[in-house]
Amino acid sequence: MDRTLQDDFENQFNDVISRFESKHFFQSDWDIASFAVFFIFIGMILLLVVLVIIRCCCCCCCCSCDDHKQPRRQKVGVENTALEP
């Protein structure tokens, strides 16, 4: 069992090394497409993290929270006390 696992690892390692030497990293168009989708996904996650960090820094450091609170609404009209228990 251990010998086959070691052989499999060596075969994959040799395959990677031979691809680096031949500068032919992808075997098919599907490999290229999956690689592109993977990096687009990682890029979007990193972009969202950066936007969250920027939002947190701008809200917490630059402006005070008291200035941005909305004023309470004032009641207009007559209170209907018949609806109270």
N, C-alpha and C. Protein backbone atom coordinates (compact mmCIF):
# COMPACT_ATOMS: atom_id res chain seq x y z
N MET A 1 0.82 -1.19 0.00
CA MET A 1 0.00 0.00 0.00
C MET A 1 0.86 1.25 0.00
N ASP A 2 1.88 1.30 0.85
CA ASP A 2 2.74 2.47 0.94
C ASP A 2 3.57 2.63 -0.34
N ARG A 3 3.94 1.53 -0.92
CA ARG A 3 4.78 1.60 -2.11
C ARG A 3 4.01 2.19 -3.29
N THR A 4 2.76 1.82 -3.44
CA THR A 4 1.98 2.36 -4.56
C THR A 4 1.70 3.85 -4.35
N LEU A 5 1.48 4.27 -3.13
CA LEU A 5 1.27 5.68 -2.85
C LEU A 5 2.53 6.48 -3.17
N GLN A 6 3.67 5.94 -2.81
CA GLN A 6 4.93 6.60 -3.11
C GLN A 6 5.17 6.63 -4.62
N ASP A 7 4.85 5.56 -5.31
CA ASP A 7 5.00 5.53 -6.77
C ASP A 7 4.07 6.55 -7.44
N ASP A 8 2.84 6.63 -6.96
CA ASP A 8 1.90 7.60 -7.52
C ASP A 8 2.39 9.03 -7.31
N PHE A 9 2.91 9.30 -6.12
CA PHE A 9 3.43 10.63 -5.83
C PHE A 9 4.62 10.95 -6.72
N GLU A 10 5.51 10.00 -6.90
CA GLU A 10 6.67 10.21 -7.76
C GLU A 10 6.26 10.43 -9.21
N ASN A 11 5.27 9.68 -9.67
CA ASN A 11 4.81 9.84 -11.05
C ASN A 11 4.19 11.22 -11.27
N GLN A 12 3.40 11.67 -10.31
CA GLN A 12 2.80 13.00 -10.44
C GLN A 12 3.85 14.09 -10.36
N PHE A 13 4.81 13.92 -9.48
CA PHE A 13 5.88 14.90 -9.35
C PHE A 13 6.69 14.97 -10.64
N ASN A 14 7.01 13.81 -11.20
CA ASN A 14 7.76 13.78 -12.46
C ASN A 14 6.95 14.40 -13.60
N ASP A 15 5.63 14.19 -13.59
CA ASP A 15 4.78 14.79 -14.61
C ASP A 15 4.79 16.32 -14.51
N VAL A 16 4.74 16.83 -13.29
CA VAL A 16 4.78 18.29 -13.09
C VAL A 16 6.13 18.85 -13.54
N ILE A 17 7.19 18.17 -13.18
CA ILE A 17 8.53 18.62 -13.57
C ILE A 17 8.68 18.61 -15.09
N SER A 18 8.18 17.57 -15.75
CA SER A 18 8.29 17.52 -17.21
C SER A 18 7.45 18.61 -17.87
N ARG A 19 6.31 18.97 -17.28
CA ARG A 19 5.51 20.08 -17.84
C ARG A 19 6.24 21.40 -17.69
N PHE A 20 6.91 21.60 -16.56
CA PHE A 20 7.68 22.84 -16.39
C PHE A 20 8.83 22.91 -17.38
N GLU A 21 9.47 21.78 -17.62
CA GLU A 21 10.58 21.77 -18.56
C GLU A 21 10.12 22.01 -19.99
N SER A 22 8.97 21.45 -20.36
CA SER A 22 8.49 21.61 -21.74
C SER A 22 7.68 22.89 -21.93
N LYS A 23 7.41 23.61 -20.84
CA LYS A 23 6.61 24.82 -20.85
C LYS A 23 5.23 24.58 -21.46
N HIS A 24 4.70 23.40 -21.25
CA HIS A 24 3.36 23.04 -21.69
C HIS A 24 2.58 22.64 -20.45
N PHE A 25 1.99 23.65 -19.78
CA PHE A 25 1.39 23.43 -18.48
C PHE A 25 0.02 22.77 -18.56
N PHE A 26 -0.72 23.05 -19.64
CA PHE A 26 -2.09 22.57 -19.74
C PHE A 26 -2.21 21.53 -20.85
N GLN A 27 -3.01 20.50 -20.58
CA GLN A 27 -3.16 19.45 -21.57
C GLN A 27 -4.29 19.74 -22.54
N SER A 28 -5.30 20.48 -22.11
CA SER A 28 -6.44 20.72 -22.99
C SER A 28 -7.01 22.11 -22.72
N ASP A 29 -8.00 22.47 -23.53
CA ASP A 29 -8.65 23.76 -23.33
C ASP A 29 -9.44 23.79 -22.03
N TRP A 30 -9.92 22.64 -21.59
CA TRP A 30 -10.66 22.57 -20.32
C TRP A 30 -9.75 22.91 -19.14
N ASP A 31 -8.50 22.51 -19.23
CA ASP A 31 -7.55 22.86 -18.16
C ASP A 31 -7.37 24.38 -18.08
N ILE A 32 -7.26 25.01 -19.24
CA ILE A 32 -7.09 26.46 -19.27
C ILE A 32 -8.34 27.15 -18.73
N ALA A 33 -9.50 26.66 -19.12
CA ALA A 33 -10.75 27.28 -18.66
C ALA A 33 -10.93 27.11 -17.15
N SER A 34 -10.65 25.93 -16.63
CA SER A 34 -10.80 25.72 -15.18
C SER A 34 -9.79 26.56 -14.41
N PHE A 35 -8.59 26.71 -14.93
CA PHE A 35 -7.57 27.54 -14.30
C PHE A 35 -8.03 28.99 -14.26
N ALA A 36 -8.61 29.48 -15.37
CA ALA A 36 -9.09 30.86 -15.43
C ALA A 36 -10.25 31.07 -14.46
N VAL A 37 -11.20 30.14 -14.42
CA VAL A 37 -12.34 30.27 -13.50
C VAL A 37 -11.87 30.27 -12.05
N PHE A 38 -10.90 29.41 -11.75
CA PHE A 38 -10.36 29.35 -10.39
C PHE A 38 -9.74 30.69 -9.99
N PHE A 39 -8.94 31.29 -10.87
CA PHE A 39 -8.30 32.55 -10.52
C PHE A 39 -9.28 33.71 -10.50
N ILE A 40 -10.32 33.66 -11.32
CA ILE A 40 -11.36 34.69 -11.24
C ILE A 40 -12.08 34.60 -9.91
N PHE A 41 -12.38 33.38 -9.47
CA PHE A 41 -13.03 33.18 -8.18
C PHE A 41 -12.16 33.70 -7.04
N ILE A 42 -10.89 33.34 -7.04
CA ILE A 42 -9.97 33.81 -5.99
C ILE A 42 -9.85 35.34 -6.04
N GLY A 43 -9.80 35.90 -7.25
CA GLY A 43 -9.71 37.36 -7.39
C GLY A 43 -10.93 38.07 -6.84
N MET A 44 -12.12 37.51 -7.08
CA MET A 44 -13.34 38.12 -6.57
C MET A 44 -13.38 38.07 -5.04
N ILE A 45 -12.94 36.96 -4.47
CA ILE A 45 -12.91 36.85 -3.00
C ILE A 45 -11.95 37.88 -2.42
N LEU A 46 -10.78 38.01 -3.02
CA LEU A 46 -9.81 38.99 -2.52
C LEU A 46 -10.34 40.42 -2.68
N LEU A 47 -11.03 40.70 -3.78
CA LEU A 47 -11.62 42.02 -3.98
C LEU A 47 -12.66 42.32 -2.92
N LEU A 48 -13.53 41.35 -2.62
CA LEU A 48 -14.54 41.55 -1.59
C LEU A 48 -13.91 41.78 -0.21
N VAL A 49 -12.85 41.05 0.09
CA VAL A 49 -12.17 41.22 1.38
C VAL A 49 -11.57 42.62 1.47
N VAL A 50 -10.95 43.08 0.38
CA VAL A 50 -10.37 44.42 0.38
C VAL A 50 -11.46 45.48 0.55
N LEU A 51 -12.60 45.30 -0.13
CA LEU A 51 -13.69 46.26 0.01
C LEU A 51 -14.24 46.29 1.43
N VAL A 52 -14.34 45.14 2.07
CA VAL A 52 -14.81 45.09 3.46
C VAL A 52 -13.82 45.79 4.38
N ILE A 53 -12.55 45.56 4.16
CA ILE A 53 -11.53 46.22 4.99
C ILE A 53 -11.57 47.73 4.81
N ILE A 54 -11.72 48.17 3.55
CA ILE A 54 -11.80 49.61 3.30
C ILE A 54 -13.05 50.20 3.95
N ARG A 55 -14.17 49.50 3.84
CA ARG A 55 -15.42 49.98 4.44
C ARG A 55 -15.29 50.08 5.96
N CYS A 56 -14.69 49.07 6.57
CA CYS A 56 -14.53 49.08 8.03
C CYS A 56 -13.60 50.20 8.47
N CYS A 57 -12.52 50.40 7.74
CA CYS A 57 -11.57 51.45 8.11
C CYS A 57 -12.19 52.83 7.95
N CYS A 58 -12.94 53.03 6.87
CA CYS A 58 -13.54 54.35 6.65
C CYS A 58 -14.64 54.64 7.66
N CYS A 59 -15.43 53.65 8.02
CA CYS A 59 -16.54 53.89 8.95
C CYS A 59 -16.04 54.04 10.38
N CYS A 60 -15.07 53.26 10.77
CA CYS A 60 -14.63 53.28 12.16
C CYS A 60 -13.67 54.41 12.46
N CYS A 61 -12.79 54.72 11.54
CA CYS A 61 -11.72 55.67 11.84
C CYS A 61 -12.06 57.10 11.42
N CYS A 62 -12.65 57.29 10.27
CA CYS A 62 -12.75 58.63 9.69
C CYS A 62 -13.91 59.44 10.23
N CYS A 63 -15.03 58.82 10.50
CA CYS A 63 -16.20 59.60 10.89
C CYS A 63 -16.80 59.04 12.17
N SER A 64 -17.39 59.92 12.93
CA SER A 64 -18.00 59.47 14.18
C SER A 64 -19.40 58.94 13.89
N CYS A 65 -19.83 58.03 14.71
CA CYS A 65 -21.13 57.38 14.50
C CYS A 65 -22.28 58.29 14.87
N ASP A 66 -22.08 59.25 15.77
CA ASP A 66 -23.17 60.13 16.21
C ASP A 66 -23.65 61.03 15.08
N ASP A 67 -22.78 61.40 14.18
CA ASP A 67 -23.15 62.30 13.09
C ASP A 67 -24.05 61.62 12.08
N HIS A 68 -23.96 60.31 11.96
CA HIS A 68 -24.67 59.61 10.91
C HIS A 68 -25.97 58.95 11.37
N LYS A 69 -26.33 59.14 12.63
CA LYS A 69 -27.59 58.55 13.09
C LYS A 69 -28.76 59.34 12.52
N GLN A 70 -29.78 58.60 12.11
CA GLN A 70 -30.96 59.26 11.56
C GLN A 70 -31.80 59.81 12.70
N PRO A 71 -32.37 60.98 12.51
CA PRO A 71 -33.20 61.53 13.58
C PRO A 71 -34.47 60.68 13.74
N ARG A 72 -34.96 60.65 14.98
CA ARG A 72 -36.18 59.87 15.23
C ARG A 72 -37.37 60.55 14.57
N ARG A 73 -38.26 59.73 14.09
CA ARG A 73 -39.47 60.26 13.48
C ARG A 73 -40.41 60.76 14.58
N GLN A 74 -40.99 61.88 14.34
CA GLN A 74 -41.98 62.41 15.28
C GLN A 74 -43.35 61.95 14.82
N LYS A 75 -44.16 61.62 15.79
CA LYS A 75 -45.52 61.17 15.47
C LYS A 75 -46.34 62.36 15.00
N VAL A 76 -47.12 62.11 13.99
CA VAL A 76 -47.98 63.15 13.44
C VAL A 76 -49.41 62.67 13.58
N GLY A 77 -50.28 63.50 14.07
CA GLY A 77 -51.68 63.14 14.17
C GLY A 77 -52.08 62.85 15.60
N VAL A 78 -53.21 62.15 15.74
CA VAL A 78 -53.79 61.88 17.05
C VAL A 78 -53.56 60.42 17.39
N GLU A 79 -53.14 60.14 18.65
CA GLU A 79 -52.97 58.75 19.07
C GLU A 79 -54.33 58.13 19.33
N ASN A 80 -54.51 56.92 18.86
CA ASN A 80 -55.76 56.19 19.07
C ASN A 80 -55.59 55.34 20.32
N THR A 81 -56.06 55.83 21.47
CA THR A 81 -55.90 55.11 22.73
C THR A 81 -56.88 53.95 22.85
N ALA A 82 -57.85 53.85 21.96
CA ALA A 82 -58.81 52.73 22.02
C ALA A 82 -58.15 51.40 21.67
N LEU A 83 -57.03 51.45 20.96
CA LEU A 83 -56.37 50.20 20.56
C LEU A 83 -55.47 49.65 21.66
N GLU A 84 -55.21 50.42 22.68
CA GLU A 84 -54.35 49.94 23.77
C GLU A 84 -55.15 49.05 24.69
N PRO A 85 -54.52 48.02 25.25
CA PRO A 85 -55.25 47.09 26.14
C PRO A 85 -55.60 47.71 27.48
